[in-house]
Amino acid sequence: MRLPEAWIISVGNELLNGRITNTNLTWLAKRLTVMGYLVRGAITVRDECEDISWAFRTALSKGASLILSTGGLGPTFDDKTSECLSKALGREWVVNEEALKMVEEKYRRAGLPMTEHRVKMARMPEKAEPIPNRVGTAPGILVREGQSLIVVMPGVPAEMKAIFEEVEPLLRERAPRLEMVSVDVIIKGVPESSLAPVIERAMKSANVYVKSHPSGREVEEPVIRLNVVASAPTREEAVEEVKKALKVIYEHMPPGGRVEGEEW
């Protein structure tokens, strides 16, 4: 089976001067792999238009089915991703009316006026589609260019993840028809912060994605629902990946933690 190929572009000086670890890249690569994409390459560039445009042109020249980028969508002078993507595509950089309404509503609720810098967050390549940002202010950007789908997201991890989840159904439609297995595990008696290293270990040990949903009280009465998801050509292979991840979670459970059932 030939898998659709994806490229990930990370924009930001802070990623290249060592100030910030690029956790977005790791998170996206894992999600895409589990979804059924082959991540062919990743490019990290500074906040310079020539470099940003080059990164998009390079990914497009490789025939990428999907290009995801993070960073550079804010209101400041060095947030250049949207404008530089427009240049890479040879499209006009315009105010998207739907995006403008999204941005205006955010500031209206905060009792703040629109300014030139805030309007900037509604500018995107001509014919692009804005993606709602329920966590932050700048909308994401969805662009179709030939056979390639381009998704542009902010660099703040929480905002990036929120926008990714908005487009995830579309990305799944473009991915191969893999068998997906999803298991929920209820864990009590251990804070999410203590379980986090175990989750990371499980994700490294198997081709799965693990998301934690805490409830209760983090320290006094922690209750966590873990959702473990695997995709594979057959259901049997997907089940095996889930079992490998669960084995790691159970074997490395922090003191006091107990499993109260699996829901397949």
Protein backbone atom coordinates (compact mmCIF):
# COMPACT_ATOMS: atom_id res chain seq x y z
CA MET A 1 0.00 0.00 0.00
CA ARG A 2 1.37 3.40 -1.00
CA LEU A 3 0.80 5.84 1.81
CA PRO A 4 0.04 9.54 1.19
CA GLU A 5 3.08 11.65 1.99
CA ALA A 6 3.10 14.52 4.45
CA TRP A 7 5.59 17.30 5.18
CA ILE A 8 5.76 19.36 8.35
CA ILE A 9 7.06 22.94 8.32
CA SER A 10 8.00 24.66 11.59
CA VAL A 11 8.48 28.43 11.57
CA GLY A 12 10.23 30.39 14.30
CA ASN A 13 13.60 31.84 15.27
CA GLU A 14 13.13 30.42 18.76
CA LEU A 15 13.21 26.89 17.36
CA LEU A 16 16.59 27.44 15.73
CA ASN A 17 18.35 29.31 18.49
CA GLY A 18 17.63 26.57 21.01
CA ARG A 19 15.25 28.57 23.15
CA ILE A 20 12.24 26.31 22.55
CA THR A 21 12.04 22.55 21.91
CA ASN A 22 9.96 21.72 18.85
CA THR A 23 7.32 19.57 20.56
CA ASN A 24 4.81 20.42 17.81
CA LEU A 25 6.84 18.45 15.30
CA THR A 26 6.90 15.32 17.46
CA TRP A 27 3.18 15.55 18.20
CA LEU A 28 2.17 16.07 14.58
CA ALA A 29 4.48 13.36 13.24
CA LYS A 30 2.97 10.84 15.65
CA ARG A 31 -0.62 11.80 14.85
CA LEU A 32 -0.05 11.63 11.10
CA THR A 33 1.75 8.29 11.31
CA VAL A 34 -1.04 6.72 13.33
CA MET A 35 -3.56 8.19 10.88
CA GLY A 36 -1.84 6.47 7.96
CA TYR A 37 0.41 9.13 6.43
CA LEU A 38 4.08 8.71 5.63
CA VAL A 39 5.88 11.75 7.01
CA ARG A 40 8.44 12.23 4.27
CA GLY A 41 10.20 15.27 5.66
CA ALA A 42 10.25 18.13 8.15
CA ILE A 43 11.69 21.60 7.63
CA THR A 44 12.40 24.21 10.30
CA VAL A 45 13.02 27.79 9.18
CA ARG A 46 13.47 31.23 10.68
CA ASP A 47 10.90 34.03 10.56
CA GLU A 48 12.19 35.18 7.17
CA CYS A 49 9.93 35.32 4.14
CA GLU A 50 12.44 33.90 1.69
CA ASP A 51 12.99 30.85 3.88
CA ILE A 52 9.31 30.30 4.64
CA SER A 53 8.34 30.49 0.97
CA TRP A 54 11.19 28.14 0.08
CA ALA A 55 9.94 25.59 2.63
CA PHE A 56 6.44 25.52 1.15
CA ARG A 57 7.73 25.39 -2.43
CA THR A 58 10.06 22.53 -1.50
CA ALA A 59 7.27 20.45 0.05
CA LEU A 60 5.01 21.15 -2.94
CA SER A 61 7.77 20.19 -5.38
CA LYS A 62 8.04 16.80 -3.67
CA GLY A 63 4.40 16.06 -4.45
CA ALA A 64 3.24 16.20 -0.84
CA SER A 65 -0.34 15.14 -0.32
CA LEU A 66 -0.43 17.09 2.93
CA ILE A 67 1.63 20.00 4.25
CA LEU A 68 1.23 21.13 7.85
CA SER A 69 2.93 24.24 9.18
CA THR A 70 3.12 25.72 12.66
CA GLY A 71 4.12 29.21 13.79
CA GLY A 72 3.97 32.74 12.45
CA LEU A 73 0.24 33.53 12.49
CA GLY A 74 0.16 36.23 15.16
CA PRO A 75 -0.25 40.02 14.89
CA THR A 76 3.40 41.10 15.20
CA PHE A 77 5.83 42.13 12.47
CA ASP A 78 7.71 38.82 12.55
CA ASP A 79 4.57 36.69 12.07
CA LYS A 80 4.99 36.15 8.34
CA THR A 81 3.79 32.65 7.48
CA SER A 82 0.49 33.61 5.86
CA GLU A 83 2.02 36.34 3.70
CA CYS A 84 4.97 34.18 2.67
CA LEU A 85 2.74 31.24 1.81
CA SER A 86 0.82 33.60 -0.48
CA LYS A 87 4.07 34.48 -2.23
CA ALA A 88 5.05 30.83 -2.54
CA LEU A 89 1.71 30.06 -4.20
CA GLY A 90 1.67 33.18 -6.37
CA ARG A 91 -1.62 34.28 -4.84
CA GLU A 92 -2.79 37.62 -3.52
CA TRP A 93 -2.59 38.09 0.26
CA VAL A 94 -6.08 39.32 1.10
CA VAL A 95 -8.37 39.92 4.06
CA ASN A 96 -10.63 36.87 4.28
CA GLU A 97 -14.07 38.12 5.33
CA GLU A 98 -14.98 34.94 7.21
CA ALA A 99 -11.69 35.04 9.09
CA LEU A 100 -12.19 38.73 9.84
CA LYS A 101 -15.53 37.96 11.51
CA MET A 102 -13.81 35.32 13.67
CA VAL A 103 -11.12 37.75 14.79
CA GLU A 104 -13.57 40.63 15.34
CA GLU A 105 -15.76 38.42 17.53
CA LYS A 106 -12.80 37.47 19.72
CA TYR A 107 -11.90 41.11 20.36
CA ARG A 108 -15.53 42.21 20.70
CA ARG A 109 -15.95 39.75 23.57
CA ALA A 110 -12.82 41.15 25.18
CA GLY A 111 -14.08 44.71 24.74
CA LEU A 112 -11.14 45.63 22.51
CA PRO A 113 -11.19 47.53 19.21
CA MET A 114 -9.90 46.19 15.93
CA THR A 115 -6.52 47.52 14.84
CA GLU A 116 -4.36 47.08 11.77
CA HIS A 117 -2.29 44.44 13.55
CA ARG A 118 -5.40 42.51 14.57
CA VAL A 119 -6.86 42.66 11.07
CA LYS A 120 -3.58 41.14 9.89
CA MET A 121 -4.59 37.83 11.49
CA ALA A 122 -7.50 37.64 9.01
CA ARG A 123 -5.24 38.02 5.97
CA MET A 124 -4.47 34.85 4.06
CA PRO A 125 -3.87 33.58 0.52
CA GLU A 126 -6.69 34.23 -1.92
CA LYS A 127 -9.24 31.36 -1.97
CA ALA A 128 -8.02 30.01 1.37
CA GLU A 129 -10.46 28.81 4.04
CA PRO A 130 -10.16 29.95 7.67
CA ILE A 131 -10.12 27.32 10.40
CA PRO A 132 -11.72 28.29 13.74
CA ASN A 133 -9.31 28.70 16.65
CA ARG A 134 -11.29 27.98 19.81
CA VAL A 135 -8.23 28.44 22.05
CA GLY A 136 -6.54 31.54 20.63
CA THR A 137 -7.28 34.40 18.27
CA ALA A 138 -5.60 33.79 14.90
CA PRO A 139 -7.61 31.43 12.67
CA GLY A 140 -5.83 28.56 11.01
CA ILE A 141 -5.57 28.49 7.21
CA LEU A 142 -6.65 25.74 4.83
CA VAL A 143 -5.41 25.93 1.24
CA ARG A 144 -5.90 23.52 -1.65
CA GLU A 145 -3.09 23.70 -4.18
CA GLY A 146 -3.37 21.12 -6.95
CA GLN A 147 -3.36 17.68 -5.27
CA SER A 148 -1.85 19.11 -2.08
CA LEU A 149 -3.70 20.17 1.05
CA ILE A 150 -1.96 22.84 3.14
CA VAL A 151 -2.92 23.48 6.77
CA VAL A 152 -1.32 26.45 8.55
CA MET A 153 -1.55 26.56 12.35
CA PRO A 154 -0.23 28.78 15.16
CA GLY A 155 2.89 27.73 17.02
CA VAL A 156 1.36 27.75 20.51
CA PRO A 157 0.89 24.02 21.17
CA ALA A 158 -2.62 24.30 22.63
CA GLU A 159 -3.80 26.35 19.64
CA MET A 160 -2.06 24.05 17.17
CA LYS A 161 -3.74 20.98 18.66
CA ALA A 162 -7.15 22.66 18.70
CA ILE A 163 -6.92 23.60 15.02
CA PHE A 164 -5.57 20.16 14.09
CA GLU A 165 -8.63 18.61 15.70
CA GLU A 166 -10.85 20.88 13.58
CA VAL A 167 -9.37 19.50 10.36
CA GLU A 168 -8.74 15.94 11.55
CA PRO A 169 -11.90 14.52 9.89
CA LEU A 170 -10.75 15.94 6.55
CA LEU A 171 -7.25 14.54 7.02
CA ARG A 172 -8.69 11.12 7.81
CA GLU A 173 -10.73 11.21 4.61
CA ARG A 174 -7.51 11.66 2.63
CA ALA A 175 -5.67 8.93 4.54
CA PRO A 176 -5.76 5.25 3.56
CA ARG A 177 -8.67 3.15 4.76
CA LEU A 178 -6.92 1.62 7.71
CA GLU A 179 -8.50 -0.37 10.50
CA MET A 180 -8.66 1.73 13.65
CA VAL A 181 -8.89 0.36 17.18
CA SER A 182 -9.72 2.64 20.10
CA VAL A 183 -9.59 1.60 23.75
CA ASP A 184 -10.50 3.64 26.83
CA VAL A 185 -8.81 2.81 30.12
CA ILE A 186 -9.92 4.26 33.46
CA ILE A 187 -7.04 4.90 35.87
CA LYS A 188 -7.53 6.09 39.41
CA GLY A 189 -5.21 7.12 42.20
CA VAL A 190 -2.47 8.80 40.15
CA PRO A 191 -2.22 12.45 39.00
CA GLU A 192 -2.03 13.14 35.27
CA SER A 193 1.34 14.80 35.79
CA SER A 194 2.72 11.55 37.24
CA LEU A 195 1.24 9.48 34.43
CA ALA A 196 2.59 11.76 31.65
CA PRO A 197 6.06 10.10 31.43
CA VAL A 198 4.40 6.68 31.19
CA ILE A 199 2.18 7.90 28.35
CA GLU A 200 5.24 9.18 26.47
CA ARG A 201 6.97 5.85 26.99
CA ALA A 202 3.94 3.95 25.67
CA MET A 203 3.75 6.12 22.55
CA LYS A 204 7.40 5.45 21.82
CA SER A 205 6.95 1.71 22.24
CA ALA A 206 4.07 1.24 19.81
CA ASN A 207 2.44 2.86 16.79
CA VAL A 208 -0.33 4.44 18.86
CA TYR A 209 -1.63 7.80 19.98
CA VAL A 210 -2.57 8.17 23.65
CA LYS A 211 -4.66 11.06 24.94
CA SER A 212 -5.45 11.59 28.60
CA HIS A 213 -8.73 13.07 29.85
CA PRO A 214 -8.43 13.93 33.56
CA SER A 215 -11.37 14.38 35.86
CA GLY A 216 -11.77 14.45 39.61
CA ARG A 217 -9.12 16.42 41.46
CA GLU A 218 -5.53 16.24 40.21
CA VAL A 219 -3.95 15.53 43.61
CA GLU A 220 -6.68 14.47 46.05
CA GLU A 221 -8.86 12.13 43.94
CA PRO A 222 -7.41 11.84 40.43
CA VAL A 223 -9.36 9.96 37.77
CA ILE A 224 -7.98 9.70 34.26
CA ARG A 225 -9.54 8.24 31.14
CA LEU A 226 -6.83 7.21 28.70
CA ASN A 227 -7.82 6.85 25.06
CA VAL A 228 -5.38 4.62 23.18
CA VAL A 229 -5.78 4.60 19.39
CA ALA A 230 -3.96 2.56 16.74
CA SER A 231 -4.40 2.28 12.97
CA ALA A 232 -3.08 -0.54 10.78
CA PRO A 233 -3.91 -2.39 7.54
CA THR A 234 -5.72 -5.07 9.56
CA ARG A 235 -7.65 -4.99 12.82
CA GLU A 236 -5.38 -7.69 14.24
CA GLU A 237 -2.28 -5.52 13.71
CA ALA A 238 -4.01 -2.49 15.27
CA VAL A 239 -5.05 -4.56 18.30
CA GLU A 240 -1.46 -5.74 18.75
CA GLU A 241 -0.18 -2.14 18.77
CA VAL A 242 -2.75 -1.19 21.41
CA LYS A 243 -1.82 -4.19 23.53
CA LYS A 244 1.88 -3.25 23.35
CA ALA A 245 1.09 0.25 24.57
CA LEU A 246 -1.18 -1.00 27.36
CA LYS A 247 1.52 -3.42 28.52
CA VAL A 248 3.94 -0.50 28.94
CA ILE A 249 1.34 1.58 30.78
CA TYR A 250 0.47 -1.22 33.18
CA GLU A 251 4.07 -2.26 33.82
CA HIS A 252 5.18 1.29 34.59
CA MET A 253 2.13 2.50 36.46
CA PRO A 254 3.17 5.05 39.13
CA PRO A 255 2.70 4.04 42.78
CA GLY A 256 -0.92 4.24 43.88
CA GLY A 257 -2.32 3.98 40.37
CA ARG A 258 -4.92 1.33 39.60
CA VAL A 259 -6.76 0.34 36.44
CA GLU A 260 -10.52 0.07 36.74
CA GLY A 261 -11.46 -1.44 33.41
CA GLU A 262 -10.84 -1.32 29.68
CA GLU A 263 -13.51 -0.33 27.16
CA TRP A 264 -12.76 -1.74 23.69
